[in-house]
Amino acid sequence: LAVVALVAVFSIIVHVLLFLEAFTTEKGKDVKLIVNERY
């Protein structure tokens, strides 16, 4: 049960970190630009 809980927490944290890293990593091709109001 201790391992089950730790695997669950580990999986959630790592997946969130990988997800955020994918969002914040610059792409080499097909780059999307977002235009928004500055102020």
PDB file of all heavy atoms in Angstrom:
ATOM      1  N   LEU A   1       0.829  -1.212   0.000  1.00  0.00           N
ATOM      2  CA  LEU A   1       0.000   0.000   0.000  1.00  0.00           C
ATOM      3  C   LEU A   1       0.863   1.263   0.000  1.00  0.00           C
ATOM      4  O   LEU A   1       0.523   2.259  -0.648  1.00  0.00           O
ATOM      5  CB  LEU A   1      -0.934   0.003   1.211  1.00  0.00           C
ATOM      6  CG  LEU A   1      -2.090  -1.007   1.165  1.00  0.00           C
ATOM      7  CD1 LEU A   1      -2.905  -0.947   2.457  1.00  0.00           C
ATOM      8  CD2 LEU A   1      -2.999  -0.739  -0.040  1.00  0.00           C
ATOM      9  N   ALA A   2       1.969   1.216   0.745  1.00  0.00           N
ATOM     10  CA  ALA A   2       2.873   2.368   0.747  1.00  0.00           C
ATOM     11  C   ALA A   2       3.451   2.605  -0.643  1.00  0.00           C
ATOM     12  O   ALA A   2       3.527   3.746  -1.119  1.00  0.00           O
ATOM     13  CB  ALA A   2       4.002   2.147   1.756  1.00  0.00           C
ATOM     14  N   VAL A   3       3.834   1.525  -1.305  1.00  0.00           N
ATOM     15  CA  VAL A   3       4.370   1.654  -2.666  1.00  0.00           C
ATOM     16  C   VAL A   3       3.283   2.125  -3.630  1.00  0.00           C
ATOM     17  O   VAL A   3       3.540   2.953  -4.518  1.00  0.00           O
ATOM     18  CB  VAL A   3       4.963   0.305  -3.137  1.00  0.00           C
ATOM     19  CG1 VAL A   3       5.430   0.401  -4.587  1.00  0.00           C
ATOM     20  CG2 VAL A   3       6.136  -0.089  -2.248  1.00  0.00           C
ATOM     21  N   VAL A   4       2.053   1.627  -3.474  1.00  0.00           N
ATOM     22  CA  VAL A   4       0.931   2.066  -4.317  1.00  0.00           C
ATOM     23  C   VAL A   4       0.756   3.576  -4.214  1.00  0.00           C
ATOM     24  O   VAL A   4       0.636   4.291  -5.223  1.00  0.00           O
ATOM     25  CB  VAL A   4      -0.370   1.349  -3.905  1.00  0.00           C
ATOM     26  CG1 VAL A   4      -1.586   2.051  -4.530  1.00  0.00           C
ATOM     27  CG2 VAL A   4      -0.343  -0.105  -4.354  1.00  0.00           C
ATOM     28  N   ALA A   5       0.726   4.090  -2.979  1.00  0.00           N
ATOM     29  CA  ALA A   5       0.539   5.528  -2.774  1.00  0.00           C
ATOM     30  C   ALA A   5       1.682   6.337  -3.383  1.00  0.00           C
ATOM     31  O   ALA A   5       1.456   7.362  -4.047  1.00  0.00           O
ATOM     32  CB  ALA A   5       0.418   5.827  -1.285  1.00  0.00           C
ATOM     33  N   LEU A   6       2.897   5.866  -3.197  1.00  0.00           N
ATOM     34  CA  LEU A   6       4.054   6.598  -3.714  1.00  0.00           C
ATOM     35  C   LEU A   6       4.121   6.538  -5.238  1.00  0.00           C
ATOM     36  O   LEU A   6       4.494   7.521  -5.887  1.00  0.00           O
ATOM     37  CB  LEU A   6       5.336   6.051  -3.094  1.00  0.00           C
ATOM     38  CG  LEU A   6       5.508   6.370  -1.600  1.00  0.00           C
ATOM     39  CD1 LEU A   6       6.657   5.581  -1.012  1.00  0.00           C
ATOM     40  CD2 LEU A   6       5.711   7.861  -1.386  1.00  0.00           C
ATOM     41  N   VAL A   7       3.758   5.399  -5.822  1.00  0.00           N
ATOM     42  CA  VAL A   7       3.710   5.304  -7.287  1.00  0.00           C
ATOM     43  C   VAL A   7       2.675   6.268  -7.842  1.00  0.00           C
ATOM     44  O   VAL A   7       2.894   6.937  -8.865  1.00  0.00           O
ATOM     45  CB  VAL A   7       3.404   3.857  -7.733  1.00  0.00           C
ATOM     46  CG1 VAL A   7       3.005   3.822  -9.203  1.00  0.00           C
ATOM     47  CG2 VAL A   7       4.618   2.967  -7.514  1.00  0.00           C
ATOM     48  N   ALA A   8       1.520   6.367  -7.168  1.00  0.00           N
ATOM     49  CA  ALA A   8       0.473   7.281  -7.617  1.00  0.00           C
ATOM     50  C   ALA A   8       0.944   8.736  -7.578  1.00  0.00           C
ATOM     51  O   ALA A   8       0.803   9.483  -8.549  1.00  0.00           O
ATOM     52  CB  ALA A   8      -0.778   7.106  -6.755  1.00  0.00           C
ATOM     53  N   VAL A   9       1.538   9.119  -6.449  1.00  0.00           N
ATOM     54  CA  VAL A   9       2.027  10.496  -6.315  1.00  0.00           C
ATOM     55  C   VAL A   9       3.142  10.772  -7.317  1.00  0.00           C
ATOM     56  O   VAL A   9       3.166  11.824  -7.972  1.00  0.00           O
ATOM     57  CB  VAL A   9       2.517  10.751  -4.871  1.00  0.00           C
ATOM     58  CG1 VAL A   9       3.162  12.125  -4.761  1.00  0.00           C
ATOM     59  CG2 VAL A   9       1.366  10.629  -3.892  1.00  0.00           C
ATOM     60  N   PHE A  10       4.059   9.832  -7.435  1.00  0.00           N
ATOM     61  CA  PHE A  10       5.172   9.980  -8.377  1.00  0.00           C
ATOM     62  C   PHE A  10       4.654  10.141  -9.803  1.00  0.00           C
ATOM     63  O   PHE A  10       5.109  11.024 -10.549  1.00  0.00           O
ATOM     64  CB  PHE A  10       6.079   8.748  -8.276  1.00  0.00           C
ATOM     65  CG  PHE A  10       7.232   8.753  -9.247  1.00  0.00           C
ATOM     66  CD1 PHE A  10       8.431   9.369  -8.927  1.00  0.00           C
ATOM     67  CD2 PHE A  10       7.120   8.138 -10.484  1.00  0.00           C
ATOM     68  CE1 PHE A  10       9.492   9.381  -9.818  1.00  0.00           C
ATOM     69  CE2 PHE A  10       8.168   8.142 -11.380  1.00  0.00           C
ATOM     70  CZ  PHE A  10       9.363   8.761 -11.056  1.00  0.00           C
ATOM     71  N   SER A  11       3.702   9.309 -10.208  1.00  0.00           N
ATOM     72  CA  SER A  11       3.173   9.348 -11.575  1.00  0.00           C
ATOM     73  C   SER A  11       2.509  10.686 -11.873  1.00  0.00           C
ATOM     74  O   SER A  11       2.707  11.269 -12.943  1.00  0.00           O
ATOM     75  CB  SER A  11       2.172   8.207 -11.785  1.00  0.00           C
ATOM     76  OG  SER A  11       2.784   6.953 -11.610  1.00  0.00           O
ATOM     77  N   ILE A  12       1.718  11.170 -10.926  1.00  0.00           N
ATOM     78  CA  ILE A  12       1.016  12.443 -11.133  1.00  0.00           C
ATOM     79  C   ILE A  12       2.020  13.591 -11.262  1.00  0.00           C
ATOM     80  O   ILE A  12       1.942  14.410 -12.187  1.00  0.00           O
ATOM     81  CB  ILE A  12       0.033  12.713  -9.977  1.00  0.00           C
ATOM     82  CG1 ILE A  12      -1.115  11.694 -10.015  1.00  0.00           C
ATOM     83  CG2 ILE A  12      -0.516  14.135 -10.062  1.00  0.00           C
ATOM     84  CD1 ILE A  12      -2.017  11.748  -8.803  1.00  0.00           C
ATOM     85  N   ILE A  13       2.969  13.649 -10.335  1.00  0.00           N
ATOM     86  CA  ILE A  13       3.942  14.750 -10.341  1.00  0.00           C
ATOM     87  C   ILE A  13       4.785  14.731 -11.614  1.00  0.00           C
ATOM     88  O   ILE A  13       4.961  15.764 -12.276  1.00  0.00           O
ATOM     89  CB  ILE A  13       4.835  14.679  -9.091  1.00  0.00           C
ATOM     90  CG1 ILE A  13       4.018  14.988  -7.837  1.00  0.00           C
ATOM     91  CG2 ILE A  13       6.002  15.660  -9.212  1.00  0.00           C
ATOM     92  CD1 ILE A  13       4.784  14.815  -6.545  1.00  0.00           C
ATOM     93  N   VAL A  14       5.297  13.551 -11.956  1.00  0.00           N
ATOM     94  CA  VAL A  14       6.159  13.463 -13.138  1.00  0.00           C
ATOM     95  C   VAL A  14       5.381  13.800 -14.405  1.00  0.00           C
ATOM     96  O   VAL A  14       5.883  14.505 -15.294  1.00  0.00           O
ATOM     97  CB  VAL A  14       6.791  12.056 -13.239  1.00  0.00           C
ATOM     98  CG1 VAL A  14       7.476  11.878 -14.585  1.00  0.00           C
ATOM     99  CG2 VAL A  14       7.807  11.867 -12.119  1.00  0.00           C
ATOM    100  N   HIS A  15       4.142  13.312 -14.499  1.00  0.00           N
ATOM    101  CA  HIS A  15       3.355  13.588 -15.711  1.00  0.00           C
ATOM    102  C   HIS A  15       3.042  15.079 -15.834  1.00  0.00           C
ATOM    103  O   HIS A  15       3.089  15.639 -16.935  1.00  0.00           O
ATOM    104  CB  HIS A  15       2.065  12.774 -15.686  1.00  0.00           C
ATOM    105  CG  HIS A  15       1.327  12.794 -16.996  1.00  0.00           C
ATOM    106  ND1 HIS A  15       1.941  12.544 -18.214  1.00  0.00           N
ATOM    107  CD2 HIS A  15       0.033  13.060 -17.298  1.00  0.00           C
ATOM    108  CE1 HIS A  15       1.054  12.649 -19.186  1.00  0.00           C
ATOM    109  NE2 HIS A  15      -0.102  12.962 -18.654  1.00  0.00           N
ATOM    110  N   VAL A  16       2.725  15.726 -14.715  1.00  0.00           N
ATOM    111  CA  VAL A  16       2.472  17.172 -14.746  1.00  0.00           C
ATOM    112  C   VAL A  16       3.732  17.926 -15.161  1.00  0.00           C
ATOM    113  O   VAL A  16       3.685  18.851 -15.985  1.00  0.00           O
ATOM    114  CB  VAL A  16       1.976  17.664 -13.367  1.00  0.00           C
ATOM    115  CG1 VAL A  16       1.975  19.189 -13.317  1.00  0.00           C
ATOM    116  CG2 VAL A  16       0.575  17.142 -13.090  1.00  0.00           C
ATOM    117  N   LEU A  17       4.890  17.526 -14.611  1.00  0.00           N
ATOM    118  CA  LEU A  17       6.145  18.189 -14.959  1.00  0.00           C
ATOM    119  C   LEU A  17       6.479  18.007 -16.436  1.00  0.00           C
ATOM    120  O   LEU A  17       6.911  18.958 -17.111  1.00  0.00           O
ATOM    121  CB  LEU A  17       7.278  17.647 -14.092  1.00  0.00           C
ATOM    122  CG  LEU A  17       7.246  18.037 -12.609  1.00  0.00           C
ATOM    123  CD1 LEU A  17       8.343  17.315 -11.846  1.00  0.00           C
ATOM    124  CD2 LEU A  17       7.384  19.548 -12.443  1.00  0.00           C
ATOM    125  N   LEU A  18       6.282  16.794 -16.956  1.00  0.00           N
ATOM    126  CA  LEU A  18       6.546  16.547 -18.375  1.00  0.00           C
ATOM    127  C   LEU A  18       5.587  17.333 -19.255  1.00  0.00           C
ATOM    128  O   LEU A  18       5.969  17.850 -20.311  1.00  0.00           O
ATOM    129  CB  LEU A  18       6.427  15.053 -18.679  1.00  0.00           C
ATOM    130  CG  LEU A  18       7.527  14.154 -18.076  1.00  0.00           C
ATOM    131  CD1 LEU A  18       7.216  12.690 -18.340  1.00  0.00           C
ATOM    132  CD2 LEU A  18       8.894  14.516 -18.651  1.00  0.00           C
ATOM    133  N   PHE A  19       4.342  17.426 -18.815  1.00  0.00           N
ATOM    134  CA  PHE A  19       3.333  18.186 -19.553  1.00  0.00           C
ATOM    135  C   PHE A  19       3.713  19.663 -19.633  1.00  0.00           C
ATOM    136  O   PHE A  19       3.676  20.276 -20.703  1.00  0.00           O
ATOM    137  CB  PHE A  19       1.981  18.006 -18.868  1.00  0.00           C
ATOM    138  CG  PHE A  19       0.854  18.790 -19.485  1.00  0.00           C
ATOM    139  CD1 PHE A  19       0.240  18.347 -20.647  1.00  0.00           C
ATOM    140  CD2 PHE A  19       0.383  19.950 -18.889  1.00  0.00           C
ATOM    141  CE1 PHE A  19      -0.805  19.057 -21.213  1.00  0.00           C
ATOM    142  CE2 PHE A  19      -0.663  20.663 -19.439  1.00  0.00           C
ATOM    143  CZ  PHE A  19      -1.263  20.219 -20.611  1.00  0.00           C
ATOM    144  N   LEU A  20       4.101  20.226 -18.490  1.00  0.00           N
ATOM    145  CA  LEU A  20       4.495  21.638 -18.461  1.00  0.00           C
ATOM    146  C   LEU A  20       5.768  21.868 -19.256  1.00  0.00           C
ATOM    147  O   LEU A  20       5.922  22.896 -19.923  1.00  0.00           O
ATOM    148  CB  LEU A  20       4.676  22.093 -17.013  1.00  0.00           C
ATOM    149  CG  LEU A  20       3.417  22.110 -16.150  1.00  0.00           C
ATOM    150  CD1 LEU A  20       3.756  22.488 -14.722  1.00  0.00           C
ATOM    151  CD2 LEU A  20       2.375  23.076 -16.721  1.00  0.00           C
ATOM    152  N   GLU A  21       6.672  20.909 -19.191  1.00  0.00           N
ATOM    153  CA  GLU A  21       7.914  21.043 -19.952  1.00  0.00           C
ATOM    154  C   GLU A  21       7.644  21.021 -21.448  1.00  0.00           C
ATOM    155  O   GLU A  21       8.265  21.762 -22.217  1.00  0.00           O
ATOM    156  CB  GLU A  21       8.863  19.906 -19.579  1.00  0.00           C
ATOM    157  CG  GLU A  21      10.250  20.057 -20.178  1.00  0.00           C
ATOM    158  CD  GLU A  21      11.228  19.012 -19.666  1.00  0.00           C
ATOM    159  OE1 GLU A  21      11.063  18.559 -18.521  1.00  0.00           O
ATOM    160  OE2 GLU A  21      12.149  18.657 -20.423  1.00  0.00           O
ATOM    161  N   ALA A  22       6.683  20.176 -21.864  1.00  0.00           N
ATOM    162  CA  ALA A  22       6.311  20.128 -23.281  1.00  0.00           C
ATOM    163  C   ALA A  22       5.710  21.452 -23.725  1.00  0.00           C
ATOM    164  O   ALA A  22       5.950  21.915 -24.846  1.00  0.00           O
ATOM    165  CB  ALA A  22       5.332  18.985 -23.533  1.00  0.00           C
ATOM    166  N   PHE A  23       4.938  22.086 -22.855  1.00  0.00           N
ATOM    167  CA  PHE A  23       4.317  23.369 -23.184  1.00  0.00           C
ATOM    168  C   PHE A  23       5.344  24.489 -23.258  1.00  0.00           C
ATOM    169  O   PHE A  23       5.184  25.429 -24.030  1.00  0.00           O
ATOM    170  CB  PHE A  23       3.253  23.724 -22.136  1.00  0.00           C
ATOM    171  CG  PHE A  23       1.847  23.399 -22.567  1.00  0.00           C
ATOM    172  CD1 PHE A  23       1.310  22.150 -22.338  1.00  0.00           C
ATOM    173  CD2 PHE A  23       1.067  24.334 -23.203  1.00  0.00           C
ATOM    174  CE1 PHE A  23       0.023  21.842 -22.728  1.00  0.00           C
ATOM    175  CE2 PHE A  23      -0.219  24.045 -23.601  1.00  0.00           C
ATOM    176  CZ  PHE A  23      -0.748  22.787 -23.361  1.00  0.00           C
ATOM    177  N   THR A  24       6.381  24.403 -22.433  1.00  0.00           N
ATOM    178  CA  THR A  24       7.326  25.518 -22.339  1.00  0.00           C
ATOM    179  C   THR A  24       8.620  25.280 -23.110  1.00  0.00           C
ATOM    180  O   THR A  24       9.536  26.106 -23.037  1.00  0.00           O
ATOM    181  CB  THR A  24       7.666  25.782 -20.860  1.00  0.00           C
ATOM    182  OG1 THR A  24       8.156  24.576 -20.259  1.00  0.00           O
ATOM    183  CG2 THR A  24       6.432  26.234 -20.097  1.00  0.00           C
ATOM    184  N   THR A  25       8.703  24.175 -23.840  1.00  0.00           N
ATOM    185  CA  THR A  25       9.882  23.895 -24.656  1.00  0.00           C
ATOM    186  C   THR A  25       9.666  24.401 -26.076  1.00  0.00           C
ATOM    187  O   THR A  25       8.648  24.102 -26.709  1.00  0.00           O
ATOM    188  CB  THR A  25      10.176  22.379 -24.693  1.00  0.00           C
ATOM    189  OG1 THR A  25      10.408  21.924 -23.356  1.00  0.00           O
ATOM    190  CG2 THR A  25      11.395  22.086 -25.546  1.00  0.00           C
ATOM    191  N   GLU A  26      10.602  25.182 -26.552  1.00  0.00           N
ATOM    192  CA  GLU A  26      10.481  25.735 -27.895  1.00  0.00           C
ATOM    193  C   GLU A  26      10.572  24.629 -28.959  1.00  0.00           C
ATOM    194  O   GLU A  26      11.411  23.736 -28.858  1.00  0.00           O
ATOM    195  CB  GLU A  26      11.590  26.771 -28.151  1.00  0.00           C
ATOM    196  CG  GLU A  26      11.526  27.989 -27.248  1.00  0.00           C
ATOM    197  CD  GLU A  26      10.388  28.929 -27.584  1.00  0.00           C
ATOM    198  OE1 GLU A  26       9.641  28.638 -28.550  1.00  0.00           O
ATOM    199  OE2 GLU A  26      10.241  29.947 -26.890  1.00  0.00           O
ATOM    200  N   LYS A  27       9.694  24.710 -29.936  1.00  0.00           N
ATOM    201  CA  LYS A  27       9.701  23.737 -31.026  1.00  0.00           C
ATOM    202  C   LYS A  27      10.701  24.148 -32.100  1.00  0.00           C
ATOM    203  O   LYS A  27      10.977  25.328 -32.283  1.00  0.00           O
ATOM    204  CB  LYS A  27       8.307  23.626 -31.647  1.00  0.00           C
ATOM    205  CG  LYS A  27       7.245  23.085 -30.709  1.00  0.00           C
ATOM    206  CD  LYS A  27       5.911  23.009 -31.421  1.00  0.00           C
ATOM    207  CE  LYS A  27       4.825  22.448 -30.517  1.00  0.00           C
ATOM    208  NZ  LYS A  27       3.511  22.411 -31.205  1.00  0.00           N
ATOM    209  N   GLY A  28      11.199  23.165 -32.819  1.00  0.00           N
ATOM    210  CA  GLY A  28      12.127  23.451 -33.899  1.00  0.00           C
ATOM    211  C   GLY A  28      11.435  23.770 -35.205  1.00  0.00           C
ATOM    212  O   GLY A  28      11.988  24.450 -36.068  1.00  0.00           O
ATOM    213  N   LYS A  29      10.205  23.274 -35.363  1.00  0.00           N
ATOM    214  CA  LYS A  29       9.454  23.536 -36.594  1.00  0.00           C
ATOM    215  C   LYS A  29       7.976  23.694 -36.271  1.00  0.00           C
ATOM    216  O   LYS A  29       7.522  23.332 -35.182  1.00  0.00           O
ATOM    217  CB  LYS A  29       9.669  22.408 -37.600  1.00  0.00           C
ATOM    218  CG  LYS A  29       9.178  21.045 -37.132  1.00  0.00           C
ATOM    219  CD  LYS A  29       9.376  20.005 -38.219  1.00  0.00           C
ATOM    220  CE  LYS A  29       8.831  18.644 -37.794  1.00  0.00           C
ATOM    221  NZ  LYS A  29       8.960  17.640 -38.872  1.00  0.00           N
ATOM    222  N   ASP A  30       7.236  24.241 -37.244  1.00  0.00           N
ATOM    223  CA  ASP A  30       5.808  24.522 -37.053  1.00  0.00           C
ATOM    224  C   ASP A  30       5.587  25.276 -35.742  1.00  0.00           C
ATOM    225  O   ASP A  30       4.808  24.856 -34.869  1.00  0.00           O
ATOM    226  CB  ASP A  30       4.988  23.234 -37.084  1.00  0.00           C
ATOM    227  CG  ASP A  30       5.040  22.550 -38.435  1.00  0.00           C
ATOM    228  OD1 ASP A  30       5.207  23.258 -39.443  1.00  0.00           O
ATOM    229  OD2 ASP A  30       4.912  21.311 -38.492  1.00  0.00           O
ATOM    230  N   VAL A  31       6.293  26.384 -35.611  1.00  0.00           N
ATOM    231  CA  VAL A  31       6.261  27.169 -34.377  1.00  0.00           C
ATOM    232  C   VAL A  31       5.012  28.049 -34.355  1.00  0.00           C
ATOM    233  O   VAL A  31       4.723  28.758 -35.326  1.00  0.00           O
ATOM    234  CB  VAL A  31       7.522  28.046 -34.263  1.00  0.00           C
ATOM    235  CG1 VAL A  31       7.488  28.862 -32.971  1.00  0.00           C
ATOM    236  CG2 VAL A  31       8.767  27.182 -34.325  1.00  0.00           C
ATOM    237  N   LYS A  32       4.282  27.998 -33.231  1.00  0.00           N
ATOM    238  CA  LYS A  32       3.089  28.833 -33.089  1.00  0.00           C
ATOM    239  C   LYS A  32       3.436  30.102 -32.335  1.00  0.00           C
ATOM    240  O   LYS A  32       4.124  30.068 -31.302  1.00  0.00           O
ATOM    241  CB  LYS A  32       1.975  28.068 -32.379  1.00  0.00           C
ATOM    242  CG  LYS A  32       1.307  27.021 -33.270  1.00  0.00           C
ATOM    243  CD  LYS A  32       0.093  26.423 -32.613  1.00  0.00           C
ATOM    244  CE  LYS A  32      -0.651  25.515 -33.579  1.00  0.00           C
ATOM    245  NZ  LYS A  32       0.147  24.375 -34.054  1.00  0.00           N
ATOM    246  N   LEU A  33       2.951  31.211 -32.862  1.00  0.00           N
ATOM    247  CA  LEU A  33       3.114  32.522 -32.235  1.00  0.00           C
ATOM    248  C   LEU A  33       1.760  32.990 -31.728  1.00  0.00           C
ATOM    249  O   LEU A  33       0.737  32.794 -32.387  1.00  0.00           O
ATOM    250  CB  LEU A  33       3.648  33.540 -33.247  1.00  0.00           C
ATOM    251  CG  LEU A  33       5.104  33.372 -33.702  1.00  0.00           C
ATOM    252  CD1 LEU A  33       5.345  34.200 -34.959  1.00  0.00           C
ATOM    253  CD2 LEU A  33       6.053  33.790 -32.600  1.00  0.00           C
ATOM    254  N   ILE A  34       1.765  33.615 -30.559  1.00  0.00           N
ATOM    255  CA  ILE A  34       0.538  34.156 -29.994  1.00  0.00           C
ATOM    256  C   ILE A  34       0.683  35.674 -29.908  1.00  0.00           C
ATOM    257  O   ILE A  34       1.675  36.187 -29.395  1.00  0.00           O
ATOM    258  CB  ILE A  34       0.218  33.532 -28.626  1.00  0.00           C
ATOM    259  CG1 ILE A  34      -1.100  34.077 -28.084  1.00  0.00           C
ATOM    260  CG2 ILE A  34       1.351  33.728 -27.638  1.00  0.00           C
ATOM    261  CD1 ILE A  34      -1.593  33.331 -26.863  1.00  0.00           C
ATOM    262  N   VAL A  35      -0.301  36.370 -30.441  1.00  0.00           N
ATOM    263  CA  VAL A  35      -0.315  37.838 -30.417  1.00  0.00           C
ATOM    264  C   VAL A  35      -1.373  38.267 -29.421  1.00  0.00           C
ATOM    265  O   VAL A  35      -2.541  37.856 -29.514  1.00  0.00           O
ATOM    266  CB  VAL A  35      -0.633  38.413 -31.810  1.00  0.00           C
ATOM    267  CG1 VAL A  35      -0.576  39.945 -31.768  1.00  0.00           C
ATOM    268  CG2 VAL A  35       0.331  37.869 -32.863  1.00  0.00           C
ATOM    269  N   ASN A  36      -0.981  39.090 -28.445  1.00  0.00           N
ATOM    270  CA  ASN A  36      -1.938  39.544 -27.429  1.00  0.00           C
ATOM    271  C   ASN A  36      -1.659  40.969 -27.023  1.00  0.00           C
ATOM    272  O   ASN A  36      -0.626  41.544 -27.383  1.00  0.00           O
ATOM    273  CB  ASN A  36      -1.896  38.617 -26.207  1.00  0.00           C
ATOM    274  CG  ASN A  36      -0.498  38.495 -25.629  1.00  0.00           C
ATOM    275  OD1 ASN A  36      -0.067  39.358 -24.869  1.00  0.00           O
ATOM    276  ND2 ASN A  36       0.228  37.442 -25.993  1.00  0.00           N
ATOM    277  N   GLU A  37      -2.568  41.540 -26.263  1.00  0.00           N
ATOM    278  CA  GLU A  37      -2.436  42.924 -25.807  1.00  0.00           C
ATOM    279  C   GLU A  37      -1.383  42.993 -24.707  1.00  0.00           C
ATOM    280  O   GLU A  37      -1.389  42.197 -23.785  1.00  0.00           O
ATOM    281  CB  GLU A  37      -3.787  43.404 -25.275  1.00  0.00           C
ATOM    282  CG  GLU A  37      -4.039  44.899 -25.494  1.00  0.00           C
ATOM    283  CD  GLU A  37      -3.437  45.728 -24.371  1.00  0.00           C
ATOM    284  OE1 GLU A  37      -3.196  45.160 -23.289  1.00  0.00           O
ATOM    285  OE2 GLU A  37      -3.188  46.917 -24.575  1.00  0.00           O
ATOM    286  N   ARG A  38      -0.468  43.933 -24.806  1.00  0.00           N
ATOM    287  CA  ARG A  38       0.707  43.949 -23.929  1.00  0.00           C
ATOM    288  C   ARG A  38       0.398  44.428 -22.517  1.00  0.00           C
ATOM    289  O   ARG A  38       1.003  43.946 -21.551  1.00  0.00           O
ATOM    290  CB  ARG A  38       1.774  44.855 -24.544  1.00  0.00           C
ATOM    291  CG  ARG A  38       3.072  44.916 -23.754  1.00  0.00           C
ATOM    292  CD  ARG A  38       4.056  45.881 -24.387  1.00  0.00           C
ATOM    293  NE  ARG A  38       4.489  45.435 -25.692  1.00  0.00           N
ATOM    294  CZ  ARG A  38       5.482  44.574 -25.899  1.00  0.00           C
ATOM    295  NH1 ARG A  38       6.134  44.052 -24.882  1.00  0.00           N
ATOM    296  NH2 ARG A  38       5.827  44.239 -27.128  1.00  0.00           N
ATOM    297  N   TYR A  39      -0.518  45.362 -22.343  1.00  0.00           N
ATOM    298  CA  TYR A  39      -0.622  46.069 -21.075  1.00  0.00           C
ATOM    299  C   TYR A  39      -1.788  45.643 -20.197  1.00  0.00           C
ATOM    300  O   TYR A  39      -2.037  46.277 -19.172  1.00  0.00           O
ATOM    301  CB  TYR A  39      -0.708  47.581 -21.344  1.00  0.00           C
ATOM    302  CG  TYR A  39       0.486  48.103 -22.107  1.00  0.00           C
ATOM    303  CD1 TYR A  39       0.356  48.503 -23.432  1.00  0.00           C
ATOM    304  CD2 TYR A  39       1.749  48.146 -21.522  1.00  0.00           C
ATOM    305  CE1 TYR A  39       1.455  48.967 -24.159  1.00  0.00           C
ATOM    306  CE2 TYR A  39       2.851  48.613 -22.227  1.00  0.00           C
ATOM    307  CZ  TYR A  39       2.693  49.017 -23.540  1.00  0.00           C
ATOM    308  OH  TYR A  39       3.793  49.467 -24.250  1.00  0.00           O
TER     309      TYR A  39
END
